[in-house]
Amino acid sequence: MRLHCHDAGLPEPTVQLPVLGARGRAHRWIDLGWEEAKAGLEYDGEEAHGADRRHSDRRRHNVLEDDGWAMFYATDHDIYGNPGVLMAQVERAITRRSRGEGRAR
């Protein structure tokens, strides 16, 4: 996923980006993140996502969205099929949010 970001010309993401909670401690981690733009990219692997994990992931997603993060999710189809569509979406979000558009402050 990181290589696809590089090949698409995206800025270098932070790997396992810690997201700080109200007390200043990391309470969430994003697989690949662009902190200034508040954009994140997660890999949703089929093998690791049963019903319990899916519920936990959705709660986590809601917390990040509520905190102003634009979150994107890659599946095996994105990674091994046509990653260009997802990379273009992430790029647009990073560009837009880096200019201060479409982002809660």
C-alpha atoms as a PDB file:
ATOM      1  CA  MET A   1       0.000   0.000   0.000  1.00  0.00           C
ATOM      2  CA  ARG A   2       2.843   2.336   0.873  1.00  0.00           C
ATOM      3  CA  LEU A   3       4.532   1.584  -2.447  1.00  0.00           C
ATOM      4  CA  HIS A   4       1.324   2.439  -4.311  1.00  0.00           C
ATOM      5  CA  CYS A   5       1.257   5.786  -2.493  1.00  0.00           C
ATOM      6  CA  HIS A   6       4.858   6.408  -3.523  1.00  0.00           C
ATOM      7  CA  ASP A   7       4.212   5.381  -7.130  1.00  0.00           C
ATOM      8  CA  ALA A   8       1.176   7.702  -7.242  1.00  0.00           C
ATOM      9  CA  GLY A   9       3.362  10.637  -6.194  1.00  0.00           C
ATOM     10  CA  LEU A  10       1.673  11.153  -2.841  1.00  0.00           C
ATOM     11  CA  PRO A  11       3.615  12.854  -0.064  1.00  0.00           C
ATOM     12  CA  GLU A  12       5.445  10.438   2.222  1.00  0.00           C
ATOM     13  CA  PRO A  13       2.938   9.146   4.807  1.00  0.00           C
ATOM     14  CA  THR A  14       3.716   8.453   8.426  1.00  0.00           C
ATOM     15  CA  VAL A  15       3.482   4.721   9.080  1.00  0.00           C
ATOM     16  CA  GLN A  16       1.415   3.779  12.136  1.00  0.00           C
ATOM     17  CA  LEU A  17       0.600   7.424  12.800  1.00  0.00           C
ATOM     18  CA  PRO A  18      -0.464   7.906  16.431  1.00  0.00           C
ATOM     19  CA  VAL A  19      -3.630   9.953  16.917  1.00  0.00           C
ATOM     20  CA  LEU A  20      -3.648  11.738  20.242  1.00  0.00           C
ATOM     21  CA  GLY A  21      -6.681  11.808  22.488  1.00  0.00           C
ATOM     22  CA  ALA A  22      -7.883  14.619  24.728  1.00  0.00           C
ATOM     23  CA  ARG A  23      -5.242  13.790  27.339  1.00  0.00           C
ATOM     24  CA  GLY A  24      -2.415  13.995  24.809  1.00  0.00           C
ATOM     25  CA  ARG A  25      -1.823  10.243  24.661  1.00  0.00           C
ATOM     26  CA  ALA A  26      -2.065   8.061  21.578  1.00  0.00           C
ATOM     27  CA  HIS A  27      -5.426   6.334  21.555  1.00  0.00           C
ATOM     28  CA  ARG A  28      -5.630   5.316  17.892  1.00  0.00           C
ATOM     29  CA  TRP A  29      -3.090   4.479  15.199  1.00  0.00           C
ATOM     30  CA  ILE A  30      -3.568   4.899  11.463  1.00  0.00           C
ATOM     31  CA  ASP A  31      -1.755   2.525   9.083  1.00  0.00           C
ATOM     32  CA  LEU A  32      -0.634   5.376   6.813  1.00  0.00           C
ATOM     33  CA  GLY A  33      -1.398   8.974   7.698  1.00  0.00           C
ATOM     34  CA  TRP A  34      -0.820  12.526   6.587  1.00  0.00           C
ATOM     35  CA  GLU A  35      -1.140  14.425   9.845  1.00  0.00           C
ATOM     36  CA  GLU A  36      -1.241  17.984   8.516  1.00  0.00           C
ATOM     37  CA  ALA A  37      -4.034  17.081   6.096  1.00  0.00           C
ATOM     38  CA  LYS A  38      -5.729  14.834   8.668  1.00  0.00           C
ATOM     39  CA  ALA A  39      -6.065  12.101   6.043  1.00  0.00           C
ATOM     40  CA  GLY A  40      -5.523   8.430   6.702  1.00  0.00           C
ATOM     41  CA  LEU A  41      -5.339   5.195   4.742  1.00  0.00           C
ATOM     42  CA  GLU A  42      -6.030   1.824   6.325  1.00  0.00           C
ATOM     43  CA  TYR A  43      -5.711  -1.669   4.902  1.00  0.00           C
ATOM     44  CA  ASP A  44      -8.738  -3.872   5.537  1.00  0.00           C
ATOM     45  CA  GLY A  45      -7.452  -7.395   5.049  1.00  0.00           C
ATOM     46  CA  GLU A  46     -10.072 -10.089   4.636  1.00  0.00           C
ATOM     47  CA  GLU A  47      -8.401 -12.497   7.043  1.00  0.00           C
ATOM     48  CA  ALA A  48      -8.341 -10.092  10.000  1.00  0.00           C
ATOM     49  CA  HIS A  49     -11.888  -8.774   9.906  1.00  0.00           C
ATOM     50  CA  GLY A  50     -14.527 -10.924  11.496  1.00  0.00           C
ATOM     51  CA  ALA A  51     -17.722  -9.515  12.971  1.00  0.00           C
ATOM     52  CA  ASP A  52     -16.155  -8.476  16.301  1.00  0.00           C
ATOM     53  CA  ARG A  53     -13.275  -6.725  14.586  1.00  0.00           C
ATOM     54  CA  ARG A  54     -15.610  -5.032  12.121  1.00  0.00           C
ATOM     55  CA  HIS A  55     -17.636  -3.538  15.000  1.00  0.00           C
ATOM     56  CA  SER A  56     -14.456  -2.300  16.671  1.00  0.00           C
ATOM     57  CA  ASP A  57     -13.195  -0.852  13.379  1.00  0.00           C
ATOM     58  CA  ARG A  58     -16.454   1.029  12.801  1.00  0.00           C
ATOM     59  CA  ARG A  59     -16.328   2.574  16.290  1.00  0.00           C
ATOM     60  CA  ARG A  60     -12.713   3.536  15.639  1.00  0.00           C
ATOM     61  CA  HIS A  61     -13.662   5.033  12.266  1.00  0.00           C
ATOM     62  CA  ASN A  62     -16.429   7.084  13.867  1.00  0.00           C
ATOM     63  CA  VAL A  63     -14.012   8.481  16.478  1.00  0.00           C
ATOM     64  CA  LEU A  64     -11.505   9.472  13.789  1.00  0.00           C
ATOM     65  CA  GLU A  65     -14.181  11.040  11.575  1.00  0.00           C
ATOM     66  CA  ASP A  66     -15.584  12.927  14.560  1.00  0.00           C
ATOM     67  CA  ASP A  67     -12.075  14.265  15.176  1.00  0.00           C
ATOM     68  CA  GLY A  68     -11.912  15.609  11.615  1.00  0.00           C
ATOM     69  CA  TRP A  69      -9.970  12.845   9.861  1.00  0.00           C
ATOM     70  CA  ALA A  70     -10.751  11.833   6.270  1.00  0.00           C
ATOM     71  CA  MET A  71     -10.310   8.077   6.292  1.00  0.00           C
ATOM     72  CA  PHE A  72      -9.830   5.791   3.308  1.00  0.00           C
ATOM     73  CA  TYR A  73      -9.783   2.002   3.325  1.00  0.00           C
ATOM     74  CA  ALA A  74      -7.889  -0.242   0.927  1.00  0.00           C
ATOM     75  CA  THR A  75      -8.878  -3.842   0.320  1.00  0.00           C
ATOM     76  CA  ASP A  76      -6.993  -6.569  -1.494  1.00  0.00           C
ATOM     77  CA  HIS A  77      -8.830  -5.512  -4.682  1.00  0.00           C
ATOM     78  CA  ASP A  78      -7.369  -2.020  -4.343  1.00  0.00           C
ATOM     79  CA  ILE A  79      -3.861  -3.273  -3.658  1.00  0.00           C
ATOM     80  CA  TYR A  80      -3.672  -6.072  -6.230  1.00  0.00           C
ATOM     81  CA  GLY A  81      -6.221  -4.846  -8.760  1.00  0.00           C
ATOM     82  CA  ASN A  82      -6.505  -1.191  -9.685  1.00  0.00           C
ATOM     83  CA  PRO A  83      -4.950   0.976  -6.960  1.00  0.00           C
ATOM     84  CA  GLY A  84      -5.095   4.103  -9.140  1.00  0.00           C
ATOM     85  CA  VAL A  85      -8.697   4.957  -8.265  1.00  0.00           C
ATOM     86  CA  LEU A  86      -8.094   4.871  -4.502  1.00  0.00           C
ATOM     87  CA  MET A  87      -4.746   6.674  -4.796  1.00  0.00           C
ATOM     88  CA  ALA A  88      -6.433   9.470  -6.776  1.00  0.00           C
ATOM     89  CA  GLN A  89      -9.104   9.822  -4.069  1.00  0.00           C
ATOM     90  CA  VAL A  90      -6.479   9.999  -1.328  1.00  0.00           C
ATOM     91  CA  GLU A  91      -4.444  12.511  -3.328  1.00  0.00           C
ATOM     92  CA  ARG A  92      -7.458  14.790  -3.819  1.00  0.00           C
ATOM     93  CA  ALA A  93      -8.239  14.666  -0.097  1.00  0.00           C
ATOM     94  CA  ILE A  94      -4.645  15.469   0.883  1.00  0.00           C
ATOM     95  CA  THR A  95      -4.482  18.358  -1.591  1.00  0.00           C
ATOM     96  CA  ARG A  96      -7.869  19.772  -0.591  1.00  0.00           C
ATOM     97  CA  ARG A  97      -7.252  19.424   3.141  1.00  0.00           C
ATOM     98  CA  SER A  98      -3.727  20.820   2.940  1.00  0.00           C
ATOM     99  CA  ARG A  99      -5.314  23.989   1.569  1.00  0.00           C
ATOM    100  CA  GLY A 100      -7.742  23.972   4.500  1.00  0.00           C
ATOM    101  CA  GLU A 101     -10.787  22.940   2.463  1.00  0.00           C
ATOM    102  CA  GLY A 102     -13.257  20.348   3.699  1.00  0.00           C
ATOM    103  CA  ARG A 103     -11.641  19.873   7.089  1.00  0.00           C
ATOM    104  CA  ALA A 104     -12.895  20.562  10.586  1.00  0.00           C
ATOM    105  CA  ARG A 105     -10.464  22.742  12.486  1.00  0.00           C
END
